Amino acid sequence: MISSFFRFLFKLVRISFGVAGIVRIVNRGERAFKKALIKEGLPQEVVEELMEEFSLRKAFNFQMFFR
């Protein structure tokens, strides 16, 4: 019983780090997208609107990970 509990804890940690990695990649992609839009010379209002429109957080409801 103890070994199954430790196995569960190790799997829980592994899943947590996996989720953290996904969140990190999503954030990096959003920053790169915003940087590319600004580099193309779009106005700040347009950049903000496009960021909101193409937000993965809104599409996949990542809000539970960002609390």
PDB file of N, CA and C in Angstrom:
ATOM      1  N   MET A   1       0.822  -1.187   0.000  1.00  0.00           N
ATOM      2  CA  MET A   1       0.000   0.000   0.000  1.00  0.00           C
ATOM      3  C   MET A   1       0.873   1.261   0.000  1.00  0.00           C
ATOM      4  N   ILE A   2       1.936   1.245   0.752  1.00  0.00           N
ATOM      5  CA  ILE A   2       2.826   2.403   0.808  1.00  0.00           C
ATOM      6  C   ILE A   2       3.480   2.628  -0.552  1.00  0.00           C
ATOM      7  N   SER A   3       3.901   1.543  -1.203  1.00  0.00           N
ATOM      8  CA  SER A   3       4.576   1.718  -2.496  1.00  0.00           C
ATOM      9  C   SER A   3       3.614   2.284  -3.544  1.00  0.00           C
ATOM     10  N   SER A   4       2.349   1.886  -3.508  1.00  0.00           N
ATOM     11  CA  SER A   4       1.389   2.439  -4.466  1.00  0.00           C
ATOM     12  C   SER A   4       1.134   3.916  -4.190  1.00  0.00           C
ATOM     13  N   PHE A   5       1.169   4.311  -2.913  1.00  0.00           N
ATOM     14  CA  PHE A   5       1.004   5.723  -2.570  1.00  0.00           C
ATOM     15  C   PHE A   5       2.179   6.543  -3.096  1.00  0.00           C
ATOM     16  N   PHE A   6       3.404   6.035  -2.921  1.00  0.00           N
ATOM     17  CA  PHE A   6       4.577   6.745  -3.438  1.00  0.00           C
ATOM     18  C   PHE A   6       4.567   6.793  -4.964  1.00  0.00           C
ATOM     19  N   ARG A   7       4.117   5.724  -5.584  1.00  0.00           N
ATOM     20  CA  ARG A   7       4.010   5.703  -7.043  1.00  0.00           C
ATOM     21  C   ARG A   7       3.019   6.773  -7.506  1.00  0.00           C
ATOM     22  N   PHE A   8       1.915   6.889  -6.781  1.00  0.00           N
ATOM     23  CA  PHE A   8       0.932   7.925  -7.099  1.00  0.00           C
ATOM     24  C   PHE A   8       1.538   9.313  -6.951  1.00  0.00           C
ATOM     25  N   LEU A   9       2.284   9.554  -5.874  1.00  0.00           N
ATOM     26  CA  LEU A   9       2.912  10.865  -5.669  1.00  0.00           C
ATOM     27  C   LEU A   9       3.895  11.194  -6.788  1.00  0.00           C
ATOM     28  N   PHE A  10       4.695  10.222  -7.202  1.00  0.00           N
ATOM     29  CA  PHE A  10       5.642  10.465  -8.286  1.00  0.00           C
ATOM     30  C   PHE A  10       4.925  10.767  -9.596  1.00  0.00           C
ATOM     31  N   LYS A  11       3.830  10.058  -9.853  1.00  0.00           N
ATOM     32  CA  LYS A  11       3.066  10.342 -11.068  1.00  0.00           C
ATOM     33  C   LYS A  11       2.411  11.715 -10.997  1.00  0.00           C
ATOM     34  N   LEU A  12       1.957  12.097  -9.822  1.00  0.00           N
ATOM     35  CA  LEU A  12       1.356  13.412  -9.641  1.00  0.00           C
ATOM     36  C   LEU A  12       2.373  14.523  -9.911  1.00  0.00           C
ATOM     37  N   VAL A  13       3.585  14.355  -9.415  1.00  0.00           N
ATOM     38  CA  VAL A  13       4.645  15.332  -9.667  1.00  0.00           C
ATOM     39  C   VAL A  13       4.972  15.381 -11.155  1.00  0.00           C
ATOM     40  N   ARG A  14       5.036  14.238 -11.794  1.00  0.00           N
ATOM     41  CA  ARG A  14       5.342  14.188 -13.230  1.00  0.00           C
ATOM     42  C   ARG A  14       4.264  14.908 -14.044  1.00  0.00           C
ATOM     43  N   ILE A  15       3.009  14.680 -13.707  1.00  0.00           N
ATOM     44  CA  ILE A  15       1.909  15.350 -14.400  1.00  0.00           C
ATOM     45  C   ILE A  15       1.958  16.852 -14.156  1.00  0.00           C
ATOM     46  N   SER A  16       2.270  17.254 -12.931  1.00  0.00           N
ATOM     47  CA  SER A  16       2.353  18.688 -12.606  1.00  0.00           C
ATOM     48  C   SER A  16       3.432  19.379 -13.425  1.00  0.00           C
ATOM     49  N   PHE A  17       4.597  18.752 -13.538  1.00  0.00           N
ATOM     50  CA  PHE A  17       5.657  19.347 -14.342  1.00  0.00           C
ATOM     51  C   PHE A  17       5.286  19.363 -15.823  1.00  0.00           C
ATOM     52  N   GLY A  18       4.556  18.363 -16.275  1.00  0.00           N
ATOM     53  CA  GLY A  18       4.096  18.362 -17.663  1.00  0.00           C
ATOM     54  C   GLY A  18       3.142  19.511 -17.950  1.00  0.00           C
ATOM     55  N   VAL A  19       2.212  19.743 -17.041  1.00  0.00           N
ATOM     56  CA  VAL A  19       1.266  20.854 -17.195  1.00  0.00           C
ATOM     57  C   VAL A  19       2.010  22.183 -17.151  1.00  0.00           C
ATOM     58  N   ALA A  20       2.976  22.296 -16.241  1.00  0.00           N
ATOM     59  CA  ALA A  20       3.767  23.530 -16.159  1.00  0.00           C
ATOM     60  C   ALA A  20       4.529  23.770 -17.457  1.00  0.00           C
ATOM     61  N   GLY A  21       5.026  22.721 -18.074  1.00  0.00           N
ATOM     62  CA  GLY A  21       5.716  22.854 -19.356  1.00  0.00           C
ATOM     63  C   GLY A  21       4.782  23.320 -20.458  1.00  0.00           C
ATOM     64  N   ILE A  22       3.578  22.801 -20.481  1.00  0.00           N
ATOM     65  CA  ILE A  22       2.604  23.224 -21.486  1.00  0.00           C
ATOM     66  C   ILE A  22       2.257  24.695 -21.308  1.00  0.00           C
ATOM     67  N   VAL A  23       2.059  25.110 -20.066  1.00  0.00           N
ATOM     68  CA  VAL A  23       1.740  26.511 -19.783  1.00  0.00           C
ATOM     69  C   VAL A  23       2.893  27.409 -20.213  1.00  0.00           C
ATOM     70  N   ARG A  24       4.125  26.977 -19.939  1.00  0.00           N
ATOM     71  CA  ARG A  24       5.301  27.759 -20.333  1.00  0.00           C
ATOM     72  C   ARG A  24       5.379  27.915 -21.848  1.00  0.00           C
ATOM     73  N   ILE A  25       5.099  26.857 -22.577  1.00  0.00           N
ATOM     74  CA  ILE A  25       5.143  26.911 -24.037  1.00  0.00           C
ATOM     75  C   ILE A  25       4.049  27.826 -24.576  1.00  0.00           C
ATOM     76  N   VAL A  26       2.861  27.770 -23.990  1.00  0.00           N
ATOM     77  CA  VAL A  26       1.766  28.650 -24.416  1.00  0.00           C
ATOM     78  C   VAL A  26       2.140  30.105 -24.187  1.00  0.00           C
ATOM     79  N   ASN A  27       2.701  30.407 -23.019  1.00  0.00           N
ATOM     80  CA  ASN A  27       3.108  31.786 -22.729  1.00  0.00           C
ATOM     81  C   ASN A  27       4.197  32.254 -23.677  1.00  0.00           C
ATOM     82  N   ARG A  28       5.162  31.398 -23.964  1.00  0.00           N
ATOM     83  CA  ARG A  28       6.241  31.755 -24.885  1.00  0.00           C
ATOM     84  C   ARG A  28       5.689  32.027 -26.284  1.00  0.00           C
ATOM     85  N   GLY A  29       4.734  31.216 -26.715  1.00  0.00           N
ATOM     86  CA  GLY A  29       4.119  31.426 -28.022  1.00  0.00           C
ATOM     87  C   GLY A  29       3.351  32.731 -28.096  1.00  0.00           C
ATOM     88  N   GLU A  30       2.632  33.062 -27.027  1.00  0.00           N
ATOM     89  CA  GLU A  30       1.891  34.328 -27.010  1.00  0.00           C
ATOM     90  C   GLU A  30       2.838  35.524 -27.063  1.00  0.00           C
ATOM     91  N   ARG A  31       3.945  35.441 -26.322  1.00  0.00           N
ATOM     92  CA  ARG A  31       4.918  36.543 -26.352  1.00  0.00           C
ATOM     93  C   ARG A  31       5.544  36.685 -27.731  1.00  0.00           C
ATOM     94  N   ALA A  32       5.877  35.566 -28.371  1.00  0.00           N
ATOM     95  CA  ALA A  32       6.471  35.612 -29.708  1.00  0.00           C
ATOM     96  C   ALA A  32       5.476  36.159 -30.729  1.00  0.00           C
ATOM     97  N   PHE A  33       4.217  35.770 -30.606  1.00  0.00           N
ATOM     98  CA  PHE A  33       3.184  36.258 -31.518  1.00  0.00           C
ATOM     99  C   PHE A  33       3.015  37.764 -31.374  1.00  0.00           C
ATOM    100  N   LYS A  34       2.968  38.238 -30.133  1.00  0.00           N
ATOM    101  CA  LYS A  34       2.817  39.673 -29.889  1.00  0.00           C
ATOM    102  C   LYS A  34       4.020  40.440 -30.415  1.00  0.00           C
ATOM    103  N   LYS A  35       5.204  39.905 -30.192  1.00  0.00           N
ATOM    104  CA  LYS A  35       6.430  40.553 -30.664  1.00  0.00           C
ATOM    105  C   LYS A  35       6.442  40.637 -32.193  1.00  0.00           C
ATOM    106  N   ALA A  36       5.998  39.584 -32.860  1.00  0.00           N
ATOM    107  CA  ALA A  36       5.955  39.582 -34.322  1.00  0.00           C
ATOM    108  C   ALA A  36       4.941  40.592 -34.843  1.00  0.00           C
ATOM    109  N   LEU A  37       3.799  40.704 -34.177  1.00  0.00           N
ATOM    110  CA  LEU A  37       2.796  41.679 -34.608  1.00  0.00           C
ATOM    111  C   LEU A  37       3.314  43.105 -34.450  1.00  0.00           C
ATOM    112  N   ILE A  38       3.984  43.380 -33.349  1.00  0.00           N
ATOM    113  CA  ILE A  38       4.532  44.721 -33.124  1.00  0.00           C
ATOM    114  C   ILE A  38       5.641  45.007 -34.129  1.00  0.00           C
ATOM    115  N   LYS A  39       6.450  43.990 -34.426  1.00  0.00           N
ATOM    116  CA  LYS A  39       7.548  44.159 -35.389  1.00  0.00           C
ATOM    117  C   LYS A  39       7.016  44.482 -36.783  1.00  0.00           C
ATOM    118  N   GLU A  40       5.844  43.971 -37.118  1.00  0.00           N
ATOM    119  CA  GLU A  40       5.238  44.254 -38.423  1.00  0.00           C
ATOM    120  C   GLU A  40       4.665  45.660 -38.501  1.00  0.00           C
ATOM    121  N   GLY A  41       4.631  46.362 -37.387  1.00  0.00           N
ATOM    122  CA  GLY A  41       4.195  47.753 -37.393  1.00  0.00           C
ATOM    123  C   GLY A  41       2.709  47.967 -37.173  1.00  0.00           C
ATOM    124  N   LEU A  42       2.033  46.991 -36.623  1.00  0.00           N
ATOM    125  CA  LEU A  42       0.605  47.154 -36.361  1.00  0.00           C
ATOM    126  C   LEU A  42       0.397  48.062 -35.149  1.00  0.00           C
ATOM    127  N   PRO A  43      -0.686  48.828 -35.133  1.00  0.00           N
ATOM    128  CA  PRO A  43      -0.982  49.669 -33.966  1.00  0.00           C
ATOM    129  C   PRO A  43      -1.252  48.813 -32.720  1.00  0.00           C
ATOM    130  N   GLN A  44      -1.011  49.394 -31.561  1.00  0.00           N
ATOM    131  CA  GLN A  44      -1.140  48.662 -30.297  1.00  0.00           C
ATOM    132  C   GLN A  44      -2.564  48.146 -30.078  1.00  0.00           C
ATOM    133  N   GLU A  45      -3.579  48.921 -30.490  1.00  0.00           N
ATOM    134  CA  GLU A  45      -4.965  48.469 -30.314  1.00  0.00           C
ATOM    135  C   GLU A  45      -5.247  47.221 -31.145  1.00  0.00           C
ATOM    136  N   VAL A  46      -4.704  47.192 -32.362  1.00  0.00           N
ATOM    137  CA  VAL A  46      -4.896  46.029 -33.235  1.00  0.00           C
ATOM    138  C   VAL A  46      -4.173  44.816 -32.649  1.00  0.00           C
ATOM    139  N   VAL A  47      -2.970  45.036 -32.132  1.00  0.00           N
ATOM    140  CA  VAL A  47      -2.204  43.945 -31.528  1.00  0.00           C
ATOM    141  C   VAL A  47      -2.969  43.361 -30.345  1.00  0.00           C
ATOM    142  N   GLU A  48      -3.505  44.216 -29.495  1.00  0.00           N
ATOM    143  CA  GLU A  48      -4.254  43.731 -28.332  1.00  0.00           C
ATOM    144  C   GLU A  48      -5.503  42.964 -28.756  1.00  0.00           C
ATOM    145  N   GLU A  49      -6.188  43.453 -29.778  1.00  0.00           N
ATOM    146  CA  GLU A  49      -7.393  42.770 -30.268  1.00  0.00           C
ATOM    147  C   GLU A  49      -7.045  41.397 -30.847  1.00  0.00           C
ATOM    148  N   LEU A  50      -5.964  41.327 -31.619  1.00  0.00           N
ATOM    149  CA  LEU A  50      -5.546  40.042 -32.185  1.00  0.00           C
ATOM    150  C   LEU A  50      -5.075  39.078 -31.095  1.00  0.00           C
ATOM    151  N   MET A  51      -4.391  39.605 -30.095  1.00  0.00           N
ATOM    152  CA  MET A  51      -3.953  38.755 -28.984  1.00  0.00           C
ATOM    153  C   MET A  51      -5.159  38.153 -28.256  1.00  0.00           C
ATOM    154  N   GLU A  52      -6.185  38.961 -28.084  1.00  0.00           N
ATOM    155  CA  GLU A  52      -7.393  38.469 -27.423  1.00  0.00           C
ATOM    156  C   GLU A  52      -8.131  37.466 -28.305  1.00  0.00           C
ATOM    157  N   GLU A  53      -8.160  37.729 -29.604  1.00  0.00           N
ATOM    158  CA  GLU A  53      -8.881  36.862 -30.537  1.00  0.00           C
ATOM    159  C   GLU A  53      -8.225  35.480 -30.657  1.00  0.00           C
ATOM    160  N   PHE A  54      -6.893  35.447 -30.698  1.00  0.00           N
ATOM    161  CA  PHE A  54      -6.173  34.189 -30.901  1.00  0.00           C
ATOM    162  C   PHE A  54      -5.609  33.613 -29.606  1.00  0.00           C
ATOM    163  N   SER A  55      -6.158  33.997 -28.477  1.00  0.00           N
ATOM    164  CA  SER A  55      -5.654  33.544 -27.187  1.00  0.00           C
ATOM    165  C   SER A  55      -5.973  32.064 -26.971  1.00  0.00           C
ATOM    166  N   LEU A  56      -4.937  31.289 -26.682  1.00  0.00           N
ATOM    167  CA  LEU A  56      -5.149  29.874 -26.374  1.00  0.00           C
ATOM    168  C   LEU A  56      -5.768  29.692 -25.000  1.00  0.00           C
ATOM    169  N   ARG A  57      -5.525  30.641 -24.110  1.00  0.00           N
ATOM    170  CA  ARG A  57      -6.120  30.551 -22.779  1.00  0.00           C
ATOM    171  C   ARG A  57      -7.635  30.589 -22.873  1.00  0.00           C
ATOM    172  N   LYS A  58      -8.145  31.429 -23.759  1.00  0.00           N
ATOM    173  CA  LYS A  58      -9.591  31.521 -23.924  1.00  0.00           C
ATOM    174  C   LYS A  58     -10.125  30.276 -24.635  1.00  0.00           C
ATOM    175  N   ALA A  59      -9.389  29.791 -25.630  1.00  0.00           N
ATOM    176  CA  ALA A  59      -9.849  28.653 -26.414  1.00  0.00           C
ATOM    177  C   ALA A  59      -9.880  27.361 -25.595  1.00  0.00           C
ATOM    178  N   PHE A  60      -8.853  27.137 -24.780  1.00  0.00           N
ATOM    179  CA  PHE A  60      -8.762  25.889 -24.030  1.00  0.00           C
ATOM    180  C   PHE A  60      -9.080  26.047 -22.557  1.00  0.00           C
ATOM    181  N   ASN A  61      -9.458  27.257 -22.137  1.00  0.00           N
ATOM    182  CA  ASN A  61      -9.819  27.548 -20.751  1.00  0.00           C
ATOM    183  C   ASN A  61      -8.710  27.127 -19.783  1.00  0.00           C
ATOM    184  N   PHE A  62      -7.517  27.704 -19.990  1.00  0.00           N
ATOM    185  CA  PHE A  62      -6.378  27.441 -19.121  1.00  0.00           C
ATOM    186  C   PHE A  62      -6.450  28.224 -17.817  1.00  0.00           C
ATOM    187  N   GLN A  63      -7.551  28.898 -17.548  1.00  0.00           N
ATOM    188  CA  GLN A  63      -7.638  29.750 -16.368  1.00  0.00           C
ATOM    189  C   GLN A  63      -7.435  28.962 -15.074  1.00  0.00           C
ATOM    190  N   MET A  64      -7.771  27.688 -15.064  1.00  0.00           N
ATOM    191  CA  MET A  64      -7.595  26.917 -13.840  1.00  0.00           C
ATOM    192  C   MET A  64      -6.123  26.732 -13.498  1.00  0.00           C
ATOM    193  N   PHE A  65      -5.210  26.887 -14.483  1.00  0.00           N
ATOM    194  CA  PHE A  65      -3.784  26.747 -14.221  1.00  0.00           C
ATOM    195  C   PHE A  65      -3.129  28.062 -13.844  1.00  0.00           C
ATOM    196  N   PHE A  66      -3.806  29.195 -14.041  1.00  0.00           N
ATOM    197  CA  PHE A  66      -3.198  30.501 -13.840  1.00  0.00           C
ATOM    198  C   PHE A  66      -3.678  31.186 -12.572  1.00  0.00           C
ATOM    199  N   ARG A  67      -4.217  30.474 -11.637  1.00  0.00           N
ATOM    200  CA  ARG A  67      -4.721  31.079 -10.404  1.00  0.00           C
ATOM    201  C   ARG A  67      -3.632  31.361  -9.442  1.00  0.00           C
TER     202      ARG A  67
END
